[in-house]
Amino acid sequence: ASAFPVAKHLVETGHEVHAIMGARTKDLLLMEDQFRELLDEDHIHITTDDGSYGEQGVVTAPLERLLQDKAVSQVFCVGPVPMMKFSTLTAQKYDTPITASLNPIMVDGTGMCGGCRLTVGGETKFACVDGPDFDGHLVDFDSAMRRGAMYKAQERAAGERREEHCNLFKKEVK
């Protein structure tokens, strides 16, 4: 979702914009309608892991084609950290600047919890207060992924009990 206002501003200021959107399945694809209203059909590139919609595969395939064709001079990526890592590696091959928006790793938005701590250019940063947008070439994605995986077991267990503990599930929908 955070890529949309960036794309909209760039279009409004006369820039050519391509949107590459990917998801595991068609049902998980976000904001397609909004991007279709903003961009021409040939500037929208959709991938799904399972091939249920668009091109089967991941977003780095259309990104690589656009970079090879010199159709883009700057990349903005947001989404799962592994995808941003491989998008950055792809942009790096073509010496293309890339901004990685690391808002998916934020928890409290104040820097107090430390959940969004990452290393950028060898320095400790907090995505919620120092970012969320960083030069992708400077982000240590491997450490960010390790940190993100530290609590997988607890998250899985909490997910199994979420209806029991989540106040939203206790409220009646009217």
N, C-alpha and C. Protein backbone atom coordinates (compact mmCIF):
# COMPACT_ATOMS: atom_id res chain seq x y z
N ALA A 1 0.81 -1.20 0.00
CA ALA A 1 0.00 0.00 0.00
C ALA A 1 0.85 1.26 0.00
N SER A 2 2.02 1.23 0.65
CA SER A 2 2.82 2.45 0.70
C SER A 2 3.45 2.79 -0.65
N ALA A 3 3.51 1.84 -1.56
CA ALA A 3 4.05 2.13 -2.89
C ALA A 3 3.09 2.97 -3.73
N PHE A 4 1.80 2.88 -3.43
CA PHE A 4 0.83 3.60 -4.25
C PHE A 4 0.99 5.11 -4.19
N PRO A 5 1.07 5.75 -3.01
CA PRO A 5 1.25 7.20 -3.03
C PRO A 5 2.56 7.63 -3.67
N VAL A 6 3.59 6.80 -3.55
CA VAL A 6 4.86 7.10 -4.22
C VAL A 6 4.65 7.09 -5.73
N ALA A 7 4.01 6.04 -6.23
CA ALA A 7 3.75 5.94 -7.67
C ALA A 7 2.85 7.07 -8.15
N LYS A 8 1.83 7.38 -7.37
CA LYS A 8 0.90 8.46 -7.75
C LYS A 8 1.63 9.80 -7.86
N HIS A 9 2.47 10.10 -6.88
CA HIS A 9 3.22 11.36 -6.92
C HIS A 9 4.14 11.40 -8.15
N LEU A 10 4.80 10.29 -8.41
CA LEU A 10 5.71 10.27 -9.56
C LEU A 10 4.95 10.46 -10.88
N VAL A 11 3.80 9.82 -11.01
CA VAL A 11 2.99 10.01 -12.22
C VAL A 11 2.54 11.46 -12.33
N GLU A 12 2.07 12.03 -11.21
CA GLU A 12 1.59 13.41 -11.22
C GLU A 12 2.69 14.41 -11.53
N THR A 13 3.94 14.05 -11.28
CA THR A 13 5.05 14.96 -11.56
C THR A 13 5.75 14.61 -12.88
N GLY A 14 5.07 13.82 -13.72
CA GLY A 14 5.55 13.57 -15.07
C GLY A 14 6.53 12.43 -15.26
N HIS A 15 6.67 11.56 -14.29
CA HIS A 15 7.60 10.44 -14.41
C HIS A 15 6.89 9.20 -14.97
N GLU A 16 7.63 8.40 -15.69
CA GLU A 16 7.11 7.12 -16.16
C GLU A 16 7.28 6.11 -15.02
N VAL A 17 6.21 5.42 -14.70
CA VAL A 17 6.21 4.50 -13.57
C VAL A 17 5.76 3.12 -14.02
N HIS A 18 6.48 2.13 -13.55
CA HIS A 18 6.07 0.73 -13.72
C HIS A 18 5.76 0.18 -12.33
N ALA A 19 4.70 -0.60 -12.21
CA ALA A 19 4.38 -1.26 -10.95
C ALA A 19 4.54 -2.76 -11.15
N ILE A 20 5.33 -3.35 -10.29
CA ILE A 20 5.47 -4.81 -10.27
C ILE A 20 4.81 -5.27 -8.98
N MET A 21 3.78 -6.07 -9.12
CA MET A 21 3.05 -6.53 -7.94
C MET A 21 3.10 -8.05 -7.92
N GLY A 22 3.39 -8.57 -6.75
CA GLY A 22 3.47 -10.02 -6.63
C GLY A 22 2.77 -10.51 -5.38
N ALA A 23 2.34 -11.75 -5.44
CA ALA A 23 1.69 -12.40 -4.30
C ALA A 23 1.82 -13.91 -4.48
N ARG A 24 1.57 -14.62 -3.39
CA ARG A 24 1.60 -16.08 -3.49
C ARG A 24 0.51 -16.59 -4.43
N THR A 25 -0.71 -16.00 -4.32
CA THR A 25 -1.84 -16.39 -5.15
C THR A 25 -2.59 -15.13 -5.57
N LYS A 26 -3.47 -15.28 -6.56
CA LYS A 26 -4.27 -14.15 -7.02
C LYS A 26 -5.08 -13.54 -5.88
N ASP A 27 -5.63 -14.38 -5.01
CA ASP A 27 -6.48 -13.89 -3.92
C ASP A 27 -5.72 -13.00 -2.93
N LEU A 28 -4.40 -13.10 -2.90
CA LEU A 28 -3.60 -12.32 -1.95
C LEU A 28 -3.02 -11.04 -2.57
N LEU A 29 -3.30 -10.80 -3.84
CA LEU A 29 -2.79 -9.62 -4.52
C LEU A 29 -3.51 -8.37 -4.02
N LEU A 30 -2.75 -7.34 -3.69
CA LEU A 30 -3.31 -6.12 -3.12
C LEU A 30 -3.24 -4.95 -4.09
N MET A 31 -4.22 -4.11 -4.06
CA MET A 31 -4.25 -2.79 -4.69
C MET A 31 -4.15 -2.80 -6.22
N GLU A 32 -4.51 -3.89 -6.84
CA GLU A 32 -4.45 -3.95 -8.30
C GLU A 32 -5.35 -2.89 -8.94
N ASP A 33 -6.56 -2.74 -8.45
CA ASP A 33 -7.50 -1.78 -9.05
C ASP A 33 -6.95 -0.36 -9.00
N GLN A 34 -6.37 0.02 -7.87
CA GLN A 34 -5.84 1.37 -7.74
C GLN A 34 -4.70 1.61 -8.73
N PHE A 35 -3.81 0.63 -8.88
CA PHE A 35 -2.71 0.79 -9.83
C PHE A 35 -3.22 0.78 -11.27
N ARG A 36 -4.25 0.01 -11.56
CA ARG A 36 -4.81 0.00 -12.92
C ARG A 36 -5.44 1.35 -13.27
N GLU A 37 -5.98 2.03 -12.29
CA GLU A 37 -6.53 3.37 -12.54
C GLU A 37 -5.42 4.38 -12.79
N LEU A 38 -4.26 4.14 -12.23
CA LEU A 38 -3.15 5.09 -12.30
C LEU A 38 -2.25 4.88 -13.51
N LEU A 39 -2.04 3.62 -13.89
CA LEU A 39 -1.03 3.30 -14.90
C LEU A 39 -1.62 2.62 -16.12
N ASP A 40 -0.91 2.76 -17.25
CA ASP A 40 -1.29 2.04 -18.45
C ASP A 40 -1.05 0.55 -18.25
N GLU A 41 -1.79 -0.25 -18.98
CA GLU A 41 -1.70 -1.72 -18.87
C GLU A 41 -0.27 -2.23 -19.05
N ASP A 42 0.48 -1.64 -19.98
CA ASP A 42 1.85 -2.13 -20.24
C ASP A 42 2.85 -1.69 -19.17
N HIS A 43 2.37 -0.96 -18.17
CA HIS A 43 3.23 -0.54 -17.07
C HIS A 43 2.91 -1.27 -15.76
N ILE A 44 2.04 -2.27 -15.86
CA ILE A 44 1.67 -3.08 -14.71
C ILE A 44 2.16 -4.50 -14.96
N HIS A 45 2.91 -5.03 -14.02
CA HIS A 45 3.51 -6.36 -14.13
C HIS A 45 3.10 -7.14 -12.89
N ILE A 46 2.37 -8.23 -13.09
CA ILE A 46 1.86 -9.01 -11.97
C ILE A 46 2.46 -10.40 -11.99
N THR A 47 2.90 -10.84 -10.82
CA THR A 47 3.39 -12.21 -10.68
C THR A 47 2.68 -12.89 -9.52
N THR A 48 2.47 -14.18 -9.66
CA THR A 48 1.99 -14.99 -8.54
C THR A 48 2.87 -16.23 -8.46
N ASP A 49 3.18 -16.61 -7.24
CA ASP A 49 4.03 -17.78 -7.05
C ASP A 49 3.44 -19.02 -7.70
N ASP A 50 2.11 -19.16 -7.57
CA ASP A 50 1.46 -20.38 -8.08
C ASP A 50 0.97 -20.26 -9.51
N GLY A 51 1.13 -19.09 -10.14
CA GLY A 51 0.70 -18.91 -11.51
C GLY A 51 -0.80 -18.72 -11.66
N SER A 52 -1.51 -18.48 -10.57
CA SER A 52 -2.96 -18.32 -10.64
C SER A 52 -3.37 -17.01 -11.30
N TYR A 53 -2.41 -16.10 -11.48
CA TYR A 53 -2.72 -14.81 -12.10
C TYR A 53 -1.41 -14.18 -12.56
N GLY A 54 -1.44 -13.55 -13.70
CA GLY A 54 -0.23 -12.91 -14.19
C GLY A 54 0.83 -13.94 -14.54
N GLU A 55 2.05 -13.52 -14.42
CA GLU A 55 3.21 -14.37 -14.71
C GLU A 55 3.52 -15.26 -13.50
N GLN A 56 3.74 -16.53 -13.74
CA GLN A 56 4.13 -17.39 -12.62
C GLN A 56 5.57 -17.09 -12.25
N GLY A 57 5.80 -16.89 -10.96
CA GLY A 57 7.15 -16.60 -10.49
C GLY A 57 7.14 -15.47 -9.49
N VAL A 58 8.28 -14.85 -9.36
CA VAL A 58 8.45 -13.78 -8.36
C VAL A 58 8.75 -12.46 -9.05
N VAL A 59 8.68 -11.39 -8.28
CA VAL A 59 8.78 -10.04 -8.85
C VAL A 59 10.14 -9.71 -9.45
N THR A 60 11.16 -10.45 -9.08
CA THR A 60 12.48 -10.13 -9.63
C THR A 60 12.59 -10.44 -11.12
N ALA A 61 11.76 -11.32 -11.66
CA ALA A 61 11.82 -11.62 -13.10
C ALA A 61 11.42 -10.40 -13.93
N PRO A 62 10.24 -9.79 -13.71
CA PRO A 62 9.93 -8.58 -14.47
C PRO A 62 10.87 -7.42 -14.13
N LEU A 63 11.31 -7.35 -12.88
CA LEU A 63 12.26 -6.29 -12.52
C LEU A 63 13.53 -6.42 -13.34
N GLU A 64 14.04 -7.62 -13.45
CA GLU A 64 15.26 -7.83 -14.23
C GLU A 64 15.06 -7.42 -15.69
N ARG A 65 13.92 -7.79 -16.27
CA ARG A 65 13.65 -7.41 -17.67
C ARG A 65 13.61 -5.88 -17.82
N LEU A 66 12.95 -5.19 -16.90
CA LEU A 66 12.87 -3.74 -16.97
C LEU A 66 14.26 -3.11 -16.82
N LEU A 67 15.07 -3.65 -15.93
CA LEU A 67 16.42 -3.13 -15.75
C LEU A 67 17.29 -3.42 -16.97
N GLN A 68 17.15 -4.59 -17.56
CA GLN A 68 17.91 -4.93 -18.77
C GLN A 68 17.56 -3.98 -19.91
N ASP A 69 16.26 -3.67 -20.02
CA ASP A 69 15.78 -2.78 -21.08
C ASP A 69 16.02 -1.30 -20.76
N LYS A 70 16.60 -1.04 -19.61
CA LYS A 70 16.83 0.33 -19.14
C LYS A 70 15.52 1.13 -19.08
N ALA A 71 14.44 0.44 -18.75
CA ALA A 71 13.12 1.08 -18.66
C ALA A 71 12.93 1.80 -17.33
N VAL A 72 13.78 1.49 -16.35
CA VAL A 72 13.69 2.16 -15.05
C VAL A 72 15.06 2.62 -14.61
N SER A 73 15.08 3.74 -13.90
CA SER A 73 16.36 4.27 -13.41
C SER A 73 16.40 4.31 -11.88
N GLN A 74 15.30 3.98 -11.24
CA GLN A 74 15.19 3.98 -9.78
C GLN A 74 14.13 2.95 -9.41
N VAL A 75 14.38 2.20 -8.34
CA VAL A 75 13.44 1.18 -7.89
C VAL A 75 13.00 1.51 -6.47
N PHE A 76 11.72 1.30 -6.20
CA PHE A 76 11.16 1.42 -4.86
C PHE A 76 10.49 0.09 -4.56
N CYS A 77 10.87 -0.53 -3.44
CA CYS A 77 10.24 -1.82 -3.13
C CYS A 77 9.74 -1.83 -1.70
N VAL A 78 8.64 -2.55 -1.53
CA VAL A 78 8.05 -2.74 -0.21
C VAL A 78 7.37 -4.10 -0.21
N GLY A 79 7.49 -4.79 0.90
CA GLY A 79 6.89 -6.11 1.00
C GLY A 79 7.70 -6.99 1.92
N PRO A 80 7.62 -8.29 1.73
CA PRO A 80 8.38 -9.19 2.58
C PRO A 80 9.89 -8.92 2.47
N VAL A 81 10.58 -9.04 3.58
CA VAL A 81 12.01 -8.74 3.61
C VAL A 81 12.80 -9.58 2.60
N PRO A 82 12.53 -10.89 2.45
CA PRO A 82 13.29 -11.65 1.44
C PRO A 82 13.09 -11.10 0.02
N MET A 83 11.87 -10.68 -0.30
CA MET A 83 11.63 -10.11 -1.62
C MET A 83 12.43 -8.82 -1.81
N MET A 84 12.48 -7.99 -0.76
CA MET A 84 13.24 -6.75 -0.88
C MET A 84 14.73 -7.04 -1.02
N LYS A 85 15.21 -8.07 -0.33
CA LYS A 85 16.62 -8.46 -0.47
C LYS A 85 16.93 -8.83 -1.92
N PHE A 86 16.11 -9.69 -2.51
CA PHE A 86 16.40 -10.16 -3.87
C PHE A 86 16.12 -9.09 -4.92
N SER A 87 15.19 -8.20 -4.65
CA SER A 87 15.00 -7.05 -5.54
C SER A 87 16.24 -6.16 -5.50
N THR A 88 16.78 -5.97 -4.31
CA THR A 88 17.99 -5.16 -4.16
C THR A 88 19.17 -5.81 -4.88
N LEU A 89 19.32 -7.11 -4.73
CA LEU A 89 20.41 -7.81 -5.43
C LEU A 89 20.25 -7.68 -6.95
N THR A 90 19.01 -7.73 -7.42
CA THR A 90 18.75 -7.58 -8.86
C THR A 90 19.10 -6.17 -9.31
N ALA A 91 18.69 -5.16 -8.56
CA ALA A 91 19.01 -3.77 -8.91
C ALA A 91 20.52 -3.54 -8.86
N GLN A 92 21.17 -4.19 -7.91
CA GLN A 92 22.62 -4.04 -7.77
C GLN A 92 23.37 -4.52 -9.02
N LYS A 93 22.87 -5.59 -9.63
CA LYS A 93 23.50 -6.11 -10.85
C LYS A 93 23.53 -5.06 -11.96
N TYR A 94 22.56 -4.15 -11.93
CA TYR A 94 22.44 -3.14 -12.98
C TYR A 94 22.83 -1.75 -12.47
N ASP A 95 23.48 -1.72 -11.30
CA ASP A 95 23.94 -0.47 -10.71
C ASP A 95 22.81 0.56 -10.65
N THR A 96 21.64 0.09 -10.21
CA THR A 96 20.45 0.94 -10.16
C THR A 96 20.10 1.23 -8.70
N PRO A 97 19.86 2.48 -8.36
CA PRO A 97 19.44 2.81 -6.99
C PRO A 97 18.12 2.13 -6.65
N ILE A 98 18.01 1.70 -5.40
CA ILE A 98 16.77 1.08 -4.93
C ILE A 98 16.49 1.55 -3.51
N THR A 99 15.26 1.92 -3.29
CA THR A 99 14.80 2.30 -1.96
C THR A 99 13.97 1.15 -1.43
N ALA A 100 14.34 0.66 -0.25
CA ALA A 100 13.58 -0.40 0.40
C ALA A 100 12.78 0.21 1.53
N SER A 101 11.48 0.02 1.47
CA SER A 101 10.59 0.53 2.52
C SER A 101 10.36 -0.59 3.52
N LEU A 102 10.99 -0.46 4.67
CA LEU A 102 10.98 -1.53 5.66
C LEU A 102 9.86 -1.38 6.68
N ASN A 103 8.74 -0.81 6.28
CA ASN A 103 7.63 -0.67 7.22
C ASN A 103 6.99 -2.00 7.61
N PRO A 104 7.13 -3.09 6.85
CA PRO A 104 6.52 -4.34 7.30
C PRO A 104 7.10 -4.89 8.60
N ILE A 105 8.26 -4.41 9.05
CA ILE A 105 8.84 -4.97 10.26
C ILE A 105 8.55 -4.12 11.49
N MET A 106 7.72 -3.10 11.37
CA MET A 106 7.44 -2.23 12.51
C MET A 106 6.38 -2.84 13.44
N VAL A 107 6.52 -2.53 14.72
CA VAL A 107 5.56 -3.00 15.71
C VAL A 107 4.87 -1.82 16.38
N ASP A 108 5.63 -1.00 17.12
CA ASP A 108 4.99 0.06 17.90
C ASP A 108 5.13 1.46 17.32
N GLY A 109 6.03 1.65 16.37
CA GLY A 109 6.16 2.95 15.73
C GLY A 109 6.88 4.01 16.53
N THR A 110 7.50 3.64 17.64
CA THR A 110 8.20 4.62 18.47
C THR A 110 9.68 4.32 18.65
N GLY A 111 10.13 3.13 18.28
CA GLY A 111 11.51 2.72 18.51
C GLY A 111 11.73 2.11 19.87
N MET A 112 10.74 2.16 20.74
CA MET A 112 10.88 1.64 22.10
C MET A 112 10.99 0.12 22.14
N CYS A 113 10.24 -0.56 21.29
CA CYS A 113 10.22 -2.03 21.38
C CYS A 113 11.47 -2.64 20.75
N GLY A 114 12.06 -1.95 19.80
CA GLY A 114 13.26 -2.47 19.14
C GLY A 114 12.96 -3.50 18.07
N GLY A 115 11.69 -3.80 17.84
CA GLY A 115 11.33 -4.82 16.86
C GLY A 115 11.75 -4.50 15.44
N CYS A 116 11.89 -3.23 15.14
CA CYS A 116 12.25 -2.84 13.78
C CYS A 116 13.72 -2.46 13.65
N ARG A 117 14.51 -2.86 14.62
CA ARG A 117 15.95 -2.56 14.58
C ARG A 117 16.58 -3.31 13.42
N LEU A 118 17.42 -2.62 12.70
CA LEU A 118 18.14 -3.22 11.59
C LEU A 118 19.47 -2.50 11.40
N THR A 119 20.30 -3.09 10.58
CA THR A 119 21.60 -2.49 10.29
C THR A 119 21.56 -1.92 8.88
N VAL A 120 21.89 -0.65 8.78
CA VAL A 120 21.91 0.05 7.49
C VAL A 120 23.25 0.76 7.39
N GLY A 121 24.03 0.39 6.41
CA GLY A 121 25.34 1.01 6.25
C GLY A 121 26.23 0.80 7.45
N GLY A 122 26.08 -0.34 8.13
CA GLY A 122 26.90 -0.65 9.29
C GLY A 122 26.44 0.01 10.58
N GLU A 123 25.36 0.77 10.53
CA GLU A 123 24.84 1.45 11.71
C GLU A 123 23.49 0.87 12.11
N THR A 124 23.20 0.89 13.40
CA THR A 124 21.90 0.45 13.89
C THR A 124 20.88 1.55 13.61
N LYS A 125 19.78 1.15 13.00
CA LYS A 125 18.68 2.06 12.69
C LYS A 125 17.38 1.41 13.16
N PHE A 126 16.35 2.22 13.30
CA PHE A 126 15.02 1.75 13.63
C PHE A 126 14.10 2.18 12.49
N ALA A 127 13.48 1.21 11.85
CA ALA A 127 12.64 1.52 10.69
C ALA A 127 11.55 2.52 11.03
N CYS A 128 11.00 2.45 12.24
CA CYS A 128 9.87 3.31 12.57
C CYS A 128 10.27 4.76 12.81
N VAL A 129 11.48 5.03 13.26
CA VAL A 129 11.86 6.42 13.52
C VAL A 129 12.93 6.94 12.57
N ASP A 130 13.76 6.07 12.02
CA ASP A 130 14.81 6.49 11.08
C ASP A 130 14.40 6.29 9.63
N GLY A 131 13.32 5.63 9.41
CA GLY A 131 12.89 5.26 8.06
C GLY A 131 11.43 5.61 7.87
N PRO A 132 10.71 4.76 7.24
CA PRO A 132 11.01 3.37 6.95
C PRO A 132 11.79 3.14 5.67
N ASP A 133 12.05 4.19 4.91
CA ASP A 133 12.70 4.03 3.61
C ASP A 133 14.21 4.20 3.73
N PHE A 134 14.93 3.21 3.17
CA PHE A 134 16.39 3.21 3.24
C PHE A 134 16.97 2.84 1.89
N ASP A 135 18.20 3.23 1.66
CA ASP A 135 18.93 2.78 0.48
C ASP A 135 19.08 1.27 0.60
N GLY A 136 18.42 0.54 -0.29
CA GLY A 136 18.43 -0.91 -0.21
C GLY A 136 19.82 -1.50 -0.26
N HIS A 137 20.73 -0.84 -0.98
CA HIS A 137 22.10 -1.36 -1.10
C HIS A 137 22.84 -1.34 0.25
N LEU A 138 22.35 -0.57 1.20
CA LEU A 138 23.01 -0.45 2.50
C LEU A 138 22.37 -1.31 3.59
N VAL A 139 21.21 -1.88 3.31
CA VAL A 139 20.48 -2.65 4.32
C VAL A 139 21.07 -4.05 4.47
N ASP A 140 21.27 -4.47 5.69
CA ASP A 140 21.70 -5.85 5.97
C ASP A 140 20.43 -6.70 6.08
N PHE A 141 19.96 -7.17 4.94
CA PHE A 141 18.72 -7.94 4.89
C PHE A 141 18.84 -9.27 5.62
N ASP A 142 20.02 -9.88 5.58
CA ASP A 142 20.18 -11.17 6.24
C ASP A 142 19.95 -11.05 7.75
N SER A 143 20.52 -10.02 8.38
CA SER A 143 20.29 -9.86 9.82
C SER A 143 18.83 -9.49 10.08
N ALA A 144 18.21 -8.72 9.21
CA ALA A 144 16.80 -8.37 9.39
C ALA A 144 15.94 -9.63 9.31
N MET A 145 16.27 -10.54 8.40
CA MET A 145 15.50 -11.78 8.30
C MET A 145 15.73 -12.69 9.51
N ARG A 146 16.95 -12.73 10.00
CA ARG A 146 17.22 -13.53 11.21
C ARG A 146 16.42 -12.98 12.39
N ARG A 147 16.42 -11.67 12.55
CA ARG A 147 15.66 -11.06 13.64
C ARG A 147 14.17 -11.34 13.48
N GLY A 148 13.69 -11.26 12.25
CA GLY A 148 12.28 -11.49 11.99
C GLY A 148 11.84 -12.92 12.25
N ALA A 149 12.78 -13.84 12.20
CA ALA A 149 12.45 -15.26 12.42
C ALA A 149 12.62 -15.69 13.87
N MET A 150 13.13 -14.80 14.72
CA MET A 150 13.42 -15.18 16.10
C MET A 150 12.19 -15.65 16.88
N TYR A 151 11.04 -15.12 16.57
CA TYR A 151 9.85 -15.41 17.36
C TYR A 151 8.80 -16.19 16.58
N LYS A 152 9.21 -16.90 15.54
CA LYS A 152 8.26 -17.65 14.70
C LYS A 152 7.44 -18.64 15.52
N ALA A 153 8.09 -19.38 16.42
CA ALA A 153 7.37 -20.38 17.21
C ALA A 153 6.31 -19.72 18.08
N GLN A 154 6.67 -18.60 18.72
CA GLN A 154 5.72 -17.89 19.57
C GLN A 154 4.57 -17.30 18.73
N GLU A 155 4.91 -16.77 17.55
CA GLU A 155 3.87 -16.21 16.68
C GLU A 155 2.91 -17.29 16.23
N ARG A 156 3.44 -18.45 15.89
CA ARG A 156 2.60 -19.56 15.45
C ARG A 156 1.67 -19.99 16.60
N ALA A 157 2.23 -20.12 17.80
CA ALA A 157 1.42 -20.50 18.96
C ALA A 157 0.37 -19.44 19.26
N ALA A 158 0.73 -18.19 19.18
CA ALA A 158 -0.22 -17.10 19.44
C ALA A 158 -1.32 -17.10 18.39
N GLY A 159 -0.96 -17.38 17.14
CA GLY A 159 -1.95 -17.44 16.07
C GLY A 159 -2.97 -18.51 16.30
N GLU A 160 -2.55 -19.62 16.88
CA GLU A 160 -3.47 -20.71 17.17
C GLU A 160 -4.44 -20.34 18.28
N ARG A 161 -4.05 -19.39 19.14
CA ARG A 161 -4.89 -18.98 20.28
C ARG A 161 -5.46 -17.58 20.10
N ARG A 162 -5.36 -17.00 18.92
CA ARG A 162 -5.70 -15.59 18.76
C ARG A 162 -7.15 -15.28 19.11
N GLU A 163 -8.06 -16.18 18.80
CA GLU A 163 -9.46 -15.90 19.12
C GLU A 163 -9.68 -15.83 20.62
N GLU A 164 -8.90 -16.60 21.36
CA GLU A 164 -9.01 -16.61 22.82
C GLU A 164 -8.48 -15.31 23.43
N HIS A 165 -7.45 -14.72 22.85
CA HIS A 165 -6.78 -13.58 23.45
C HIS A 165 -7.07 -12.23 22.77
N CYS A 166 -7.51 -12.24 21.56
CA CYS A 166 -7.71 -10.99 20.82
C CYS A 166 -9.06 -10.36 21.16
N ASN A 167 -9.02 -9.14 21.64
CA ASN A 167 -10.26 -8.45 22.00
C ASN A 167 -11.17 -8.22 20.80
N LEU A 168 -10.61 -8.08 19.61
CA LEU A 168 -11.46 -7.87 18.43
C LEU A 168 -12.35 -9.07 18.17
N PHE A 169 -11.86 -10.28 18.43
CA PHE A 169 -12.67 -11.47 18.22
C PHE A 169 -13.80 -11.56 19.26
N LYS A 170 -13.66 -10.88 20.38
CA LYS A 170 -14.66 -10.93 21.44
C LYS A 170 -15.81 -9.95 21.19
N LYS A 171 -15.62 -9.00 20.30
CA LYS A 171 -16.65 -8.00 20.03
C LYS A 171 -17.63 -8.55 19.00
N GLU A 172 -18.86 -8.16 19.17
CA GLU A 172 -19.89 -8.57 18.23
C GLU A 172 -19.87 -7.61 17.05
N VAL A 173 -19.89 -8.15 15.84
CA VAL A 173 -19.91 -7.33 14.63
C VAL A 173 -21.35 -6.93 14.37
N LYS A 174 -21.57 -5.63 14.17
CA LYS A 174 -22.95 -5.15 13.93
C LYS A 174 -23.10 -4.66 12.51
